[in-house]
PDB file of N, CA and C in Angstrom:
ATOM      1  N   MET A   1     -23.480 -27.263  30.410  1.00  0.00           N
ATOM      2  CA  MET A   1     -25.198 -26.630  30.602  1.00  0.00           C
ATOM      3  C   MET A   1     -25.813 -25.743  31.081  1.00  0.00           C
ATOM      4  N   THR A   2     -24.475 -24.858  31.602  1.00  0.00           N
ATOM      5  CA  THR A   2     -24.902 -23.843  32.025  1.00  0.00           C
ATOM      6  C   THR A   2     -24.205 -22.965  30.845  1.00  0.00           C
ATOM      7  N   GLY A   3     -23.363 -23.549  29.896  1.00  0.00           N
ATOM      8  CA  GLY A   3     -22.946 -22.776  28.582  1.00  0.00           C
ATOM      9  C   GLY A   3     -23.945 -22.815  27.605  1.00  0.00           C
ATOM     10  N   ILE A   4     -24.923 -24.018  27.799  1.00  0.00           N
ATOM     11  CA  ILE A   4     -25.996 -24.081  27.003  1.00  0.00           C
ATOM     12  C   ILE A   4     -26.811 -22.992  27.057  1.00  0.00           C
ATOM     13  N   ILE A   5     -27.407 -23.099  28.276  1.00  0.00           N
ATOM     14  CA  ILE A   5     -28.608 -21.906  28.977  1.00  0.00           C
ATOM     15  C   ILE A   5     -27.873 -20.277  28.537  1.00  0.00           C
ATOM     16  N   LYS A   6     -26.411 -20.451  28.730  1.00  0.00           N
ATOM     17  CA  LYS A   6     -25.900 -18.704  28.627  1.00  0.00           C
ATOM     18  C   LYS A   6     -26.087 -18.716  26.641  1.00  0.00           C
ATOM     19  N   PHE A   7     -25.551 -19.312  26.116  1.00  0.00           N
ATOM     20  CA  PHE A   7     -25.824 -19.462  25.008  1.00  0.00           C
ATOM     21  C   PHE A   7     -27.472 -19.236  24.169  1.00  0.00           C
ATOM     22  N   GLY A   8     -27.992 -20.015  24.579  1.00  0.00           N
ATOM     23  CA  GLY A   8     -29.292 -19.858  24.305  1.00  0.00           C
ATOM     24  C   GLY A   8     -30.050 -18.285  24.921  1.00  0.00           C
ATOM     25  N   SER A   9     -29.624 -18.297  25.708  1.00  0.00           N
ATOM     26  CA  SER A   9     -30.236 -17.128  26.703  1.00  0.00           C
ATOM     27  C   SER A   9     -29.442 -15.553  25.851  1.00  0.00           C
ATOM     28  N   LYS A  10     -28.744 -15.623  25.080  1.00  0.00           N
ATOM     29  CA  LYS A  10     -27.846 -14.820  23.773  1.00  0.00           C
ATOM     30  C   LYS A  10     -28.466 -14.765  22.922  1.00  0.00           C
ATOM     31  N   VAL A  11     -28.836 -15.980  22.306  1.00  0.00           N
ATOM     32  CA  VAL A  11     -29.459 -16.064  20.944  1.00  0.00           C
ATOM     33  C   VAL A  11     -30.785 -15.529  20.813  1.00  0.00           C
ATOM     34  N   GLY A  12     -31.576 -15.995  22.428  1.00  0.00           N
ATOM     35  CA  GLY A  12     -33.062 -15.622  22.478  1.00  0.00           C
ATOM     36  C   GLY A  12     -33.187 -13.971  22.413  1.00  0.00           C
ATOM     37  N   LEU A  13     -31.951 -13.532  23.467  1.00  0.00           N
ATOM     38  CA  LEU A  13     -31.912 -11.606  23.471  1.00  0.00           C
ATOM     39  C   LEU A  13     -31.809 -11.104  21.722  1.00  0.00           C
ATOM     40  N   VAL A  14     -30.726 -11.473  21.076  1.00  0.00           N
ATOM     41  CA  VAL A  14     -30.448 -11.100  19.575  1.00  0.00           C
ATOM     42  C   VAL A  14     -31.640 -11.273  18.759  1.00  0.00           C
ATOM     43  N   GLY A  15     -32.358 -12.706  19.021  1.00  0.00           N
ATOM     44  CA  GLY A  15     -33.382 -12.692  18.142  1.00  0.00           C
ATOM     45  C   GLY A  15     -34.674 -12.162  18.485  1.00  0.00           C
ATOM     46  N   ALA A  16     -35.132 -11.676  19.752  1.00  0.00           N
ATOM     47  CA  ALA A  16     -36.341 -10.815  20.185  1.00  0.00           C
ATOM     48  C   ALA A  16     -35.617  -9.396  19.683  1.00  0.00           C
ATOM     49  N   THR A  17     -34.721  -8.989  19.717  1.00  0.00           N
ATOM     50  CA  THR A  17     -34.007  -7.736  19.648  1.00  0.00           C
ATOM     51  C   THR A  17     -34.335  -7.342  17.881  1.00  0.00           C
ATOM     52  N   VAL A  18     -33.989  -8.546  16.937  1.00  0.00           N
ATOM     53  CA  VAL A  18     -34.223  -8.354  15.765  1.00  0.00           C
ATOM     54  C   VAL A  18     -35.844  -8.126  15.272  1.00  0.00           C
ATOM     55  N   TYR A  19     -36.109  -9.083  16.192  1.00  0.00           N
ATOM     56  CA  TYR A  19     -37.629  -9.410  15.580  1.00  0.00           C
ATOM     57  C   TYR A  19     -38.378  -8.083  15.886  1.00  0.00           C
ATOM     58  N   TYR A  20     -38.416  -7.597  17.008  1.00  0.00           N
ATOM     59  CA  TYR A  20     -38.981  -6.387  17.758  1.00  0.00           C
ATOM     60  C   TYR A  20     -38.485  -5.098  16.827  1.00  0.00           C
ATOM     61  N   THR A  21     -37.159  -4.945  16.353  1.00  0.00           N
ATOM     62  CA  THR A  21     -36.250  -3.816  15.642  1.00  0.00           C
ATOM     63  C   THR A  21     -37.432  -3.657  14.636  1.00  0.00           C
ATOM     64  N   ASN A  22     -37.817  -4.953  13.700  1.00  0.00           N
ATOM     65  CA  ASN A  22     -37.672  -5.428  12.715  1.00  0.00           C
ATOM     66  C   ASN A  22     -39.610  -4.972  12.403  1.00  0.00           C
ATOM     67  N   GLU A  23     -40.373  -5.195  13.850  1.00  0.00           N
ATOM     68  CA  GLU A  23     -41.820  -4.727  13.808  1.00  0.00           C
ATOM     69  C   GLU A  23     -41.795  -3.467  13.766  1.00  0.00           C
ATOM     70  N   TYR A  24     -40.687  -2.659  14.496  1.00  0.00           N
ATOM     71  CA  TYR A  24     -41.026  -1.407  14.880  1.00  0.00           C
ATOM     72  C   TYR A  24     -40.491  -0.325  13.108  1.00  0.00           C
ATOM     73  N   GLY A  25     -40.078  -1.346  12.638  1.00  0.00           N
ATOM     74  CA  GLY A  25     -39.550  -0.566  11.298  1.00  0.00           C
ATOM     75  C   GLY A  25     -38.282   0.186  11.355  1.00  0.00           C
ATOM     76  N   VAL A  26     -37.403  -0.424  12.107  1.00  0.00           N
ATOM     77  CA  VAL A  26     -36.018   0.087  11.888  1.00  0.00           C
ATOM     78  C   VAL A  26     -35.214  -0.206  10.928  1.00  0.00           C
ATOM     79  N   TRP A  27     -35.570  -1.772  10.253  1.00  0.00           N
ATOM     80  CA  TRP A  27     -34.990  -1.865   9.013  1.00  0.00           C
ATOM     81  C   TRP A  27     -35.796  -1.327   7.701  1.00  0.00           C
ATOM     82  N   ASN A  28     -36.489  -0.727   8.033  1.00  0.00           N
ATOM     83  CA  ASN A  28     -37.255   0.000   6.671  1.00  0.00           C
ATOM     84  C   ASN A  28     -36.266   1.036   6.024  1.00  0.00           C
ATOM     85  N   ASP A  29     -37.034   1.930   5.337  1.00  0.00           N
ATOM     86  CA  ASP A  29     -36.388   2.968   4.432  1.00  0.00           C
ATOM     87  C   ASP A  29     -36.122   3.892   5.639  1.00  0.00           C
ATOM     88  N   ALA A  30     -35.035   5.031   5.761  1.00  0.00           N
ATOM     89  CA  ALA A  30     -34.992   5.758   6.468  1.00  0.00           C
ATOM     90  C   ALA A  30     -35.543   6.721   7.404  1.00  0.00           C
ATOM     91  N   ASP A  31     -36.830   7.093   6.722  1.00  0.00           N
ATOM     92  CA  ASP A  31     -37.734   7.771   7.070  1.00  0.00           C
ATOM     93  C   ASP A  31     -38.336   7.322   8.165  1.00  0.00           C
ATOM     94  N   SER A  32     -38.524   6.163   8.127  1.00  0.00           N
ATOM     95  CA  SER A  32     -39.369   5.329   9.440  1.00  0.00           C
ATOM     96  C   SER A  32     -38.534   4.895  10.454  1.00  0.00           C
ATOM     97  N   SER A  33     -37.141   4.836   9.837  1.00  0.00           N
ATOM     98  CA  SER A  33     -35.995   4.810  11.279  1.00  0.00           C
ATOM     99  C   SER A  33     -35.849   5.864  11.918  1.00  0.00           C
ATOM    100  N   ALA A  34     -36.128   7.089  11.192  1.00  0.00           N
ATOM    101  CA  ALA A  34     -35.824   8.314  11.853  1.00  0.00           C
ATOM    102  C   ALA A  34     -37.130   8.519  12.889  1.00  0.00           C
ATOM    103  N   LYS A  35     -38.631   8.124  12.072  1.00  0.00           N
ATOM    104  CA  LYS A  35     -39.571   8.146  12.905  1.00  0.00           C
ATOM    105  C   LYS A  35     -39.545   7.406  14.381  1.00  0.00           C
ATOM    106  N   VAL A  36     -38.755   6.173  14.098  1.00  0.00           N
ATOM    107  CA  VAL A  36     -38.856   5.087  15.398  1.00  0.00           C
ATOM    108  C   VAL A  36     -37.776   5.894  16.576  1.00  0.00           C
ATOM    109  N   VAL A  37     -36.587   6.089  15.852  1.00  0.00           N
ATOM    110  CA  VAL A  37     -35.765   7.357  16.756  1.00  0.00           C
ATOM    111  C   VAL A  37     -36.592   8.446  17.708  1.00  0.00           C
ATOM    112  N   THR A  38     -37.093   9.081  16.825  1.00  0.00           N
ATOM    113  CA  THR A  38     -37.990  10.291  17.587  1.00  0.00           C
ATOM    114  C   THR A  38     -39.058   9.684  18.574  1.00  0.00           C
ATOM    115  N   GLU A  39     -39.702   8.841  18.498  1.00  0.00           N
ATOM    116  CA  GLU A  39     -40.579   8.082  18.932  1.00  0.00           C
ATOM    117  C   GLU A  39     -40.357   7.634  20.322  1.00  0.00           C
ATOM    118  N   VAL A  40     -39.062   7.051  20.321  1.00  0.00           N
ATOM    119  CA  VAL A  40     -37.954   6.503  21.203  1.00  0.00           C
ATOM    120  C   VAL A  40     -37.629   7.623  22.368  1.00  0.00           C
ATOM    121  N   ARG A  41     -37.230   8.501  21.789  1.00  0.00           N
ATOM    122  CA  ARG A  41     -36.718   9.704  22.307  1.00  0.00           C
ATOM    123  C   ARG A  41     -38.057  10.706  23.001  1.00  0.00           C
ATOM    124  N   SER A  42     -38.675  10.563  22.543  1.00  0.00           N
ATOM    125  CA  SER A  42     -40.296  11.235  23.248  1.00  0.00           C
ATOM    126  C   SER A  42     -40.604  10.319  24.283  1.00  0.00           C
ATOM    127  N   LEU A  43     -40.359   8.849  24.180  1.00  0.00           N
ATOM    128  CA  LEU A  43     -40.942   8.325  25.421  1.00  0.00           C
ATOM    129  C   LEU A  43     -39.690   7.739  25.933  1.00  0.00           C
ATOM    130  N   TYR A  44     -38.664   8.368  26.051  1.00  0.00           N
ATOM    131  CA  TYR A  44     -37.603   8.355  26.955  1.00  0.00           C
ATOM    132  C   TYR A  44     -37.833   9.642  27.666  1.00  0.00           C
ATOM    133  N   HIS A  45     -38.054  10.707  27.110  1.00  0.00           N
ATOM    134  CA  HIS A  45     -38.326  12.270  27.664  1.00  0.00           C
ATOM    135  C   HIS A  45     -39.689  11.645  28.722  1.00  0.00           C
ATOM    136  N   GLN A  46     -40.657  11.367  28.094  1.00  0.00           N
ATOM    137  CA  GLN A  46     -41.914  10.990  28.829  1.00  0.00           C
ATOM    138  C   GLN A  46     -41.559  10.369  29.856  1.00  0.00           C
ATOM    139  N   TYR A  47     -41.085   8.957  30.066  1.00  0.00           N
ATOM    140  CA  TYR A  47     -41.579   7.832  31.081  1.00  0.00           C
ATOM    141  C   TYR A  47     -39.865   7.665  32.084  1.00  0.00           C
ATOM    142  N   VAL A  48     -38.825   7.918  31.432  1.00  0.00           N
ATOM    143  CA  VAL A  48     -37.501   7.711  31.645  1.00  0.00           C
ATOM    144  C   VAL A  48     -37.009   8.911  32.450  1.00  0.00           C
ATOM    145  N   ASN A  49     -37.237  10.055  31.768  1.00  0.00           N
ATOM    146  CA  ASN A  49     -36.340  11.212  32.093  1.00  0.00           C
ATOM    147  C   ASN A  49     -36.715  11.986  33.353  1.00  0.00           C
ATOM    148  N   PRO A  50     -38.023  11.507  33.911  1.00  0.00           N
ATOM    149  CA  PRO A  50     -38.322  12.233  35.352  1.00  0.00           C
ATOM    150  C   PRO A  50     -37.505  11.345  36.677  1.00  0.00           C
ATOM    151  N   TYR A  51     -37.288   9.869  36.173  1.00  0.00           N
ATOM    152  CA  TYR A  51     -36.892   9.406  37.276  1.00  0.00           C
ATOM    153  C   TYR A  51     -35.071   9.841  36.779  1.00  0.00           C
ATOM    154  N   VAL A  52     -34.860   9.940  36.040  1.00  0.00           N
ATOM    155  CA  VAL A  52     -33.292  10.014  35.769  1.00  0.00           C
ATOM    156  C   VAL A  52     -32.979  11.610  36.536  1.00  0.00           C
ATOM    157  N   LYS A  53     -33.810  12.594  36.237  1.00  0.00           N
ATOM    158  CA  LYS A  53     -34.021  13.629  37.285  1.00  0.00           C
ATOM    159  C   LYS A  53     -33.819  13.726  38.558  1.00  0.00           C
ATOM    160  N   GLU A  54     -34.543  12.841  38.824  1.00  0.00           N
ATOM    161  CA  GLU A  54     -34.792  12.359  40.483  1.00  0.00           C
ATOM    162  C   GLU A  54     -33.729  11.876  41.028  1.00  0.00           C
ATOM    163  N   ALA A  55     -33.174  10.829  40.620  1.00  0.00           N
ATOM    164  CA  ALA A  55     -31.659  10.182  40.701  1.00  0.00           C
ATOM    165  C   ALA A  55     -30.525  11.185  40.674  1.00  0.00           C
ATOM    166  N   GLN A  56     -31.050  12.248  39.797  1.00  0.00           N
ATOM    167  CA  GLN A  56     -29.741  12.974  39.788  1.00  0.00           C
ATOM    168  C   GLN A  56     -29.611  13.970  40.877  1.00  0.00           C
ATOM    169  N   SER A  57     -30.564  14.252  41.595  1.00  0.00           N
ATOM    170  CA  SER A  57     -30.627  15.123  42.894  1.00  0.00           C
ATOM    171  C   SER A  57     -30.263  14.566  43.885  1.00  0.00           C
ATOM    172  N   SER A  58     -30.524  12.946  43.605  1.00  0.00           N
ATOM    173  CA  SER A  58     -30.057  12.222  45.021  1.00  0.00           C
ATOM    174  C   SER A  58     -28.624  11.787  44.771  1.00  0.00           C
ATOM    175  N   VAL A  59     -28.279  11.784  43.561  1.00  0.00           N
ATOM    176  CA  VAL A  59     -26.880  11.306  43.153  1.00  0.00           C
ATOM    177  C   VAL A  59     -26.050  12.109  42.562  1.00  0.00           C
ATOM    178  N   PRO A  60     -24.951  12.386  43.087  1.00  0.00           N
ATOM    179  CA  PRO A  60     -24.242  13.214  42.763  1.00  0.00           C
ATOM    180  C   PRO A  60     -22.942  13.087  41.455  1.00  0.00           C
ATOM    181  N   ILE A  61     -23.401  12.405  40.637  1.00  0.00           N
ATOM    182  CA  ILE A  61     -22.811  11.878  39.277  1.00  0.00           C
ATOM    183  C   ILE A  61     -23.996  13.120  38.231  1.00  0.00           C
ATOM    184  N   GLU A  62     -22.932  13.309  37.185  1.00  0.00           N
ATOM    185  CA  GLU A  62     -23.617  14.092  36.292  1.00  0.00           C
ATOM    186  C   GLU A  62     -23.792  13.042  35.180  1.00  0.00           C
ATOM    187  N   VAL A  63     -25.260  12.716  34.884  1.00  0.00           N
ATOM    188  CA  VAL A  63     -25.705  11.845  33.673  1.00  0.00           C
ATOM    189  C   VAL A  63     -25.648  12.855  32.385  1.00  0.00           C
ATOM    190  N   PRO A  64     -24.796  12.381  31.133  1.00  0.00           N
ATOM    191  CA  PRO A  64     -25.157  13.096  30.002  1.00  0.00           C
ATOM    192  C   PRO A  64     -26.277  12.740  29.561  1.00  0.00           C
ATOM    193  N   ASP A  65     -26.570  13.910  28.613  1.00  0.00           N
ATOM    194  CA  ASP A  65     -28.108  13.809  27.654  1.00  0.00           C
ATOM    195  C   ASP A  65     -28.004  12.842  26.576  1.00  0.00           C
ATOM    196  N   ILE A  66     -29.078  12.634  26.135  1.00  0.00           N
ATOM    197  CA  ILE A  66     -28.865  11.574  25.155  1.00  0.00           C
ATOM    198  C   ILE A  66     -28.422  12.449  23.856  1.00  0.00           C
ATOM    199  N   PRO A  67     -27.754  11.739  22.697  1.00  0.00           N
ATOM    200  CA  PRO A  67     -27.257  12.603  21.725  1.00  0.00           C
ATOM    201  C   PRO A  67     -28.373  13.024  20.905  1.00  0.00           C
ATOM    202  N   SER A  68     -28.760  14.597  20.251  1.00  0.00           N
ATOM    203  CA  SER A  68     -29.614  14.664  19.598  1.00  0.00           C
ATOM    204  C   SER A  68     -29.244  13.967  18.212  1.00  0.00           C
ATOM    205  N   ILE A  69     -30.647  14.241  17.505  1.00  0.00           N
ATOM    206  CA  ILE A  69     -30.451  13.131  16.325  1.00  0.00           C
ATOM    207  C   ILE A  69     -29.397  14.208  14.959  1.00  0.00           C
ATOM    208  N   SER A  70     -29.187  15.588  15.395  1.00  0.00           N
ATOM    209  CA  SER A  70     -28.121  15.930  14.467  1.00  0.00           C
ATOM    210  C   SER A  70     -26.836  15.593  14.666  1.00  0.00           C
ATOM    211  N   GLN A  71     -26.549  15.193  16.254  1.00  0.00           N
ATOM    212  CA  GLN A  71     -25.243  14.572  16.753  1.00  0.00           C
ATOM    213  C   GLN A  71     -25.024  13.619  15.896  1.00  0.00           C
ATOM    214  N   ILE A  72     -25.906  12.425  16.239  1.00  0.00           N
ATOM    215  CA  ILE A  72     -25.571  11.097  15.444  1.00  0.00           C
ATOM    216  C   ILE A  72     -25.918  11.038  14.337  1.00  0.00           C
ATOM    217  N   SER A  73     -26.471  12.110  13.942  1.00  0.00           N
ATOM    218  CA  SER A  73     -26.284  12.107  12.170  1.00  0.00           C
ATOM    219  C   SER A  73     -24.751  12.178  11.634  1.00  0.00           C
ATOM    220  N   HIS A  74     -24.410  13.563  12.434  1.00  0.00           N
ATOM    221  CA  HIS A  74     -22.800  13.828  12.153  1.00  0.00           C
ATOM    222  C   HIS A  74     -22.000  12.804  12.631  1.00  0.00           C
ATOM    223  N   SER A  75     -21.885  12.036  13.423  1.00  0.00           N
ATOM    224  CA  SER A  75     -21.288  11.074  13.729  1.00  0.00           C
ATOM    225  C   SER A  75     -21.165   9.786  12.478  1.00  0.00           C
ATOM    226  N   VAL A  76     -22.533   9.595  12.560  1.00  0.00           N
ATOM    227  CA  VAL A  76     -22.454   8.609  11.081  1.00  0.00           C
ATOM    228  C   VAL A  76     -22.038   8.889   9.973  1.00  0.00           C
ATOM    229  N   PHE A  77     -22.199  10.254   9.341  1.00  0.00           N
ATOM    230  CA  PHE A  77     -21.599  10.771   8.392  1.00  0.00           C
ATOM    231  C   PHE A  77     -20.222  10.736   8.223  1.00  0.00           C
ATOM    232  N   SER A  78     -19.647  11.259   9.809  1.00  0.00           N
ATOM    233  CA  SER A  78     -18.459  10.917   9.425  1.00  0.00           C
ATOM    234  C   SER A  78     -17.302   9.799   9.486  1.00  0.00           C
ATOM    235  N   SER A  79     -18.340   8.696  10.321  1.00  0.00           N
ATOM    236  CA  SER A  79     -18.001   7.303  10.134  1.00  0.00           C
ATOM    237  C   SER A  79     -17.451   6.718   8.839  1.00  0.00           C
ATOM    238  N   TRP A  80     -19.048   7.333   7.994  1.00  0.00           N
ATOM    239  CA  TRP A  80     -19.115   6.456   6.959  1.00  0.00           C
ATOM    240  C   TRP A  80     -18.170   7.259   5.983  1.00  0.00           C
ATOM    241  N   ASN A  81     -17.701   8.526   6.327  1.00  0.00           N
ATOM    242  CA  ASN A  81     -16.995   9.384   5.026  1.00  0.00           C
ATOM    243  C   ASN A  81     -15.487   8.791   5.333  1.00  0.00           C
ATOM    244  N   SER A  82     -15.179   8.483   6.384  1.00  0.00           N
ATOM    245  CA  SER A  82     -13.783   8.158   7.013  1.00  0.00           C
ATOM    246  C   SER A  82     -13.769   6.609   6.360  1.00  0.00           C
ATOM    247  N   GLY A  83     -14.919   5.799   6.373  1.00  0.00           N
ATOM    248  CA  GLY A  83     -14.899   4.319   5.719  1.00  0.00           C
ATOM    249  C   GLY A  83     -14.493   4.757   4.341  1.00  0.00           C
ATOM    250  N   VAL A  84     -15.174   5.625   3.581  1.00  0.00           N
ATOM    251  CA  VAL A  84     -15.221   5.600   2.251  1.00  0.00           C
ATOM    252  C   VAL A  84     -13.379   5.925   1.624  1.00  0.00           C
ATOM    253  N   LEU A  85     -13.407   7.128   2.568  1.00  0.00           N
ATOM    254  CA  LEU A  85     -11.714   7.176   2.545  1.00  0.00           C
ATOM    255  C   LEU A  85     -10.864   6.212   2.339  1.00  0.00           C
ATOM    256  N   TYR A  86     -10.656   5.458   3.622  1.00  0.00           N
ATOM    257  CA  TYR A  86      -9.826   4.067   3.981  1.00  0.00           C
ATOM    258  C   TYR A  86     -10.120   3.217   2.673  1.00  0.00           C
ATOM    259  N   THR A  87     -11.264   2.715   2.373  1.00  0.00           N
ATOM    260  CA  THR A  87     -11.719   2.066   0.776  1.00  0.00           C
ATOM    261  C   THR A  87     -11.060   2.595  -0.187  1.00  0.00           C
ATOM    262  N   SER A  88     -11.060   3.958  -0.738  1.00  0.00           N
ATOM    263  CA  SER A  88     -10.509   4.399  -1.632  1.00  0.00           C
ATOM    264  C   SER A  88      -9.092   4.374  -1.594  1.00  0.00           C
ATOM    265  N   GLN A  89      -8.742   4.784  -0.517  1.00  0.00           N
ATOM    266  CA  GLN A  89      -7.038   4.758  -0.388  1.00  0.00           C
ATOM    267  C   GLN A  89      -6.846   3.060  -0.795  1.00  0.00           C
ATOM    268  N   PHE A  90      -7.100   2.326   0.040  1.00  0.00           N
ATOM    269  CA  PHE A  90      -6.639   0.710  -0.475  1.00  0.00           C
ATOM    270  C   PHE A  90      -6.801   0.113  -1.662  1.00  0.00           C
ATOM    271  N   LEU A  91      -8.149   0.984  -2.402  1.00  0.00           N
ATOM    272  CA  LEU A  91      -8.225   0.506  -3.923  1.00  0.00           C
ATOM    273  C   LEU A  91      -7.100   1.764  -4.621  1.00  0.00           C
ATOM    274  N   ILE A  92      -6.585   2.322  -3.819  1.00  0.00           N
ATOM    275  CA  ILE A  92      -5.157   3.106  -4.531  1.00  0.00           C
ATOM    276  C   ILE A  92      -4.452   2.568  -4.824  1.00  0.00           C
ATOM    277  N   ASN A  93      -4.351   1.775  -3.961  1.00  0.00           N
ATOM    278  CA  ASN A  93      -2.705   1.504  -3.360  1.00  0.00           C
ATOM    279  C   ASN A  93      -2.708  -0.063  -3.677  1.00  0.00           C
ATOM    280  N   LEU A  94      -3.738  -0.767  -4.126  1.00  0.00           N
ATOM    281  CA  LEU A  94      -4.213  -2.046  -4.218  1.00  0.00           C
ATOM    282  C   LEU A  94      -3.191  -2.738  -5.510  1.00  0.00           C
ATOM    283  N   PRO A  95      -2.682  -1.709  -6.599  1.00  0.00           N
ATOM    284  CA  PRO A  95      -1.882  -2.397  -7.535  1.00  0.00           C
ATOM    285  C   PRO A  95      -0.589  -2.724  -6.876  1.00  0.00           C
ATOM    286  N   SER A  96      -0.074  -1.662  -6.484  1.00  0.00           N
ATOM    287  CA  SER A  96       1.458  -1.772  -5.635  1.00  0.00           C
ATOM    288  C   SER A  96       1.457  -3.093  -4.735  1.00  0.00           C
ATOM    289  N   HIS A  97       0.424  -3.053  -4.002  1.00  0.00           N
ATOM    290  CA  HIS A  97       0.049  -4.150  -2.975  1.00  0.00           C
ATOM    291  C   HIS A  97       0.292  -5.638  -3.796  1.00  0.00           C
ATOM    292  N   ILE A  98      -0.462  -5.444  -4.917  1.00  0.00           N
ATOM    293  CA  ILE A  98      -0.250  -6.686  -5.530  1.00  0.00           C
ATOM    294  C   ILE A  98       0.597  -7.003  -6.178  1.00  0.00           C
ATOM    295  N   SER A  99       1.369  -6.260  -6.483  1.00  0.00           N
ATOM    296  CA  SER A  99       2.556  -6.136  -6.929  1.00  0.00           C
ATOM    297  C   SER A  99       3.661  -6.837  -5.843  1.00  0.00           C
ATOM    298  N   GLN A 100       3.605  -6.457  -4.801  1.00  0.00           N
ATOM    299  CA  GLN A 100       4.502  -6.402  -3.676  1.00  0.00           C
ATOM    300  C   GLN A 100       3.781  -8.260  -3.272  1.00  0.00           C
ATOM    301  N   TRP A 101       2.887  -8.307  -3.084  1.00  0.00           N
ATOM    302  CA  TRP A 101       2.665  -9.737  -2.832  1.00  0.00           C
ATOM    303  C   TRP A 101       3.038 -10.645  -3.833  1.00  0.00           C
ATOM    304  N   THR A 102       3.045 -10.435  -5.201  1.00  0.00           N
ATOM    305  CA  THR A 102       3.557 -11.439  -6.225  1.00  0.00           C
ATOM    306  C   THR A 102       4.979 -11.793  -6.204  1.00  0.00           C
ATOM    307  N   THR A 103       5.836 -10.654  -5.959  1.00  0.00           N
ATOM    308  CA  THR A 103       6.621 -10.551  -5.450  1.00  0.00           C
ATOM    309  C   THR A 103       7.530 -11.655  -4.505  1.00  0.00           C
ATOM    310  N   ASP A 104       6.580 -11.022  -3.420  1.00  0.00           N
ATOM    311  CA  ASP A 104       6.755 -11.969  -2.310  1.00  0.00           C
ATOM    312  C   ASP A 104       6.808 -13.617  -2.252  1.00  0.00           C
ATOM    313  N   ALA A 105       5.396 -13.642  -2.686  1.00  0.00           N
ATOM    314  CA  ALA A 105       5.027 -15.136  -3.314  1.00  0.00           C
ATOM    315  C   ALA A 105       5.869 -15.943  -4.069  1.00  0.00           C
ATOM    316  N   SER A 106       6.561 -15.313  -5.251  1.00  0.00           N
ATOM    317  CA  SER A 106       7.414 -15.992  -6.247  1.00  0.00           C
ATOM    318  C   SER A 106       9.008 -16.102  -5.515  1.00  0.00           C
ATOM    319  N   ASN A 107       9.351 -15.258  -4.911  1.00  0.00           N
ATOM    320  CA  ASN A 107      10.238 -15.198  -4.106  1.00  0.00           C
ATOM    321  C   ASN A 107      10.518 -16.849  -2.851  1.00  0.00           C
ATOM    322  N   PHE A 108       9.251 -16.563  -2.380  1.00  0.00           N
ATOM    323  CA  PHE A 108       8.953 -17.913  -1.475  1.00  0.00           C
ATOM    324  C   PHE A 108       9.081 -19.096  -2.413  1.00  0.00           C
ATOM    325  N   ILE A 109       8.273 -19.129  -3.312  1.00  0.00           N
ATOM    326  CA  ILE A 109       8.476 -20.474  -4.227  1.00  0.00           C
ATOM    327  C   ILE A 109       9.601 -20.965  -4.593  1.00  0.00           C
ATOM    328  N   ASN A 110      10.442 -19.771  -5.024  1.00  0.00           N
ATOM    329  CA  ASN A 110      11.758 -19.992  -5.583  1.00  0.00           C
ATOM    330  C   ASN A 110      12.577 -20.588  -4.935  1.00  0.00           C
ATOM    331  N   LYS A 111      12.578 -19.822  -3.479  1.00  0.00           N
ATOM    332  CA  LYS A 111      13.339 -20.544  -2.194  1.00  0.00           C
ATOM    333  C   LYS A 111      12.979 -21.848  -2.003  1.00  0.00           C
ATOM    334  N   GLN A 112      11.618 -22.189  -1.911  1.00  0.00           N
ATOM    335  CA  GLN A 112      11.006 -23.256  -1.514  1.00  0.00           C
ATOM    336  C   GLN A 112      11.915 -24.532  -2.522  1.00  0.00           C
ATOM    337  N   VAL A 113      11.725 -24.098  -4.062  1.00  0.00           N
ATOM    338  CA  VAL A 113      12.039 -25.204  -4.909  1.00  0.00           C
ATOM    339  C   VAL A 113      13.869 -25.393  -4.709  1.00  0.00           C
ATOM    340  N   GLU A 114      14.498 -24.186  -4.737  1.00  0.00           N
ATOM    341  CA  GLU A 114      15.910 -24.184  -4.239  1.00  0.00           C
ATOM    342  C   GLU A 114      16.105 -25.380  -3.218  1.00  0.00           C
ATOM    343  N   ALA A 115      15.727 -24.883  -2.131  1.00  0.00           N
ATOM    344  CA  ALA A 115      15.347 -25.652  -0.879  1.00  0.00           C
ATOM    345  C   ALA A 115      15.388 -27.655  -1.201  1.00  0.00           C
ATOM    346  N   SER A 116      14.427 -27.362  -2.035  1.00  0.00           N
ATOM    347  CA  SER A 116      13.667 -28.669  -2.198  1.00  0.00           C
ATOM    348  C   SER A 116      15.247 -29.729  -3.190  1.00  0.00           C
ATOM    349  N   ASN A 117      15.590 -28.762  -4.375  1.00  0.00           N
ATOM    350  CA  ASN A 117      16.620 -29.358  -5.287  1.00  0.00           C
ATOM    351  C   ASN A 117      18.093 -29.475  -4.640  1.00  0.00           C
ATOM    352  N   GLU A 118      18.420 -28.591  -2.991  1.00  0.00           N
ATOM    353  CA  GLU A 118      19.278 -28.708  -2.626  1.00  0.00           C
ATOM    354  C   GLU A 118      19.399 -30.125  -1.780  1.00  0.00           C
ATOM    355  N   SER A 119      18.676 -30.407  -1.202  1.00  0.00           N
ATOM    356  CA  SER A 119      17.903 -31.591  -0.649  1.00  0.00           C
ATOM    357  C   SER A 119      18.206 -33.082  -1.125  1.00  0.00           C
ATOM    358  N   LYS A 120      18.058 -33.129  -2.271  1.00  0.00           N
ATOM    359  CA  LYS A 120      18.144 -34.082  -3.442  1.00  0.00           C
ATOM    360  C   LYS A 120      19.690 -34.655  -3.643  1.00  0.00           C
TER     361      LYS A 120
END
């Protein structure tokens, strides 16, 4: 029973997250997504940041700032570029991989046929 409640809670949270991010326009074009990020950052600085500064003065732990839009975009571009590079490298090596896989499969099938012929 607790597993069902736990699963239902997770599905509800994910569903609510998708619904509200869709309502706010996160999944639209890049301009509306950037606008949402800017609004969230301004809300953070307006409502949350004063409490964070107050907590920082009473707690001796240094809390890092939220990354800037340029840092986030640099990280996204870097990740995207490395993904493109890995995909390109895989596609470049695909013919040799297919050749090797075909040779391995052929050798395996031949061994299986020979083993079945020897057992008869």
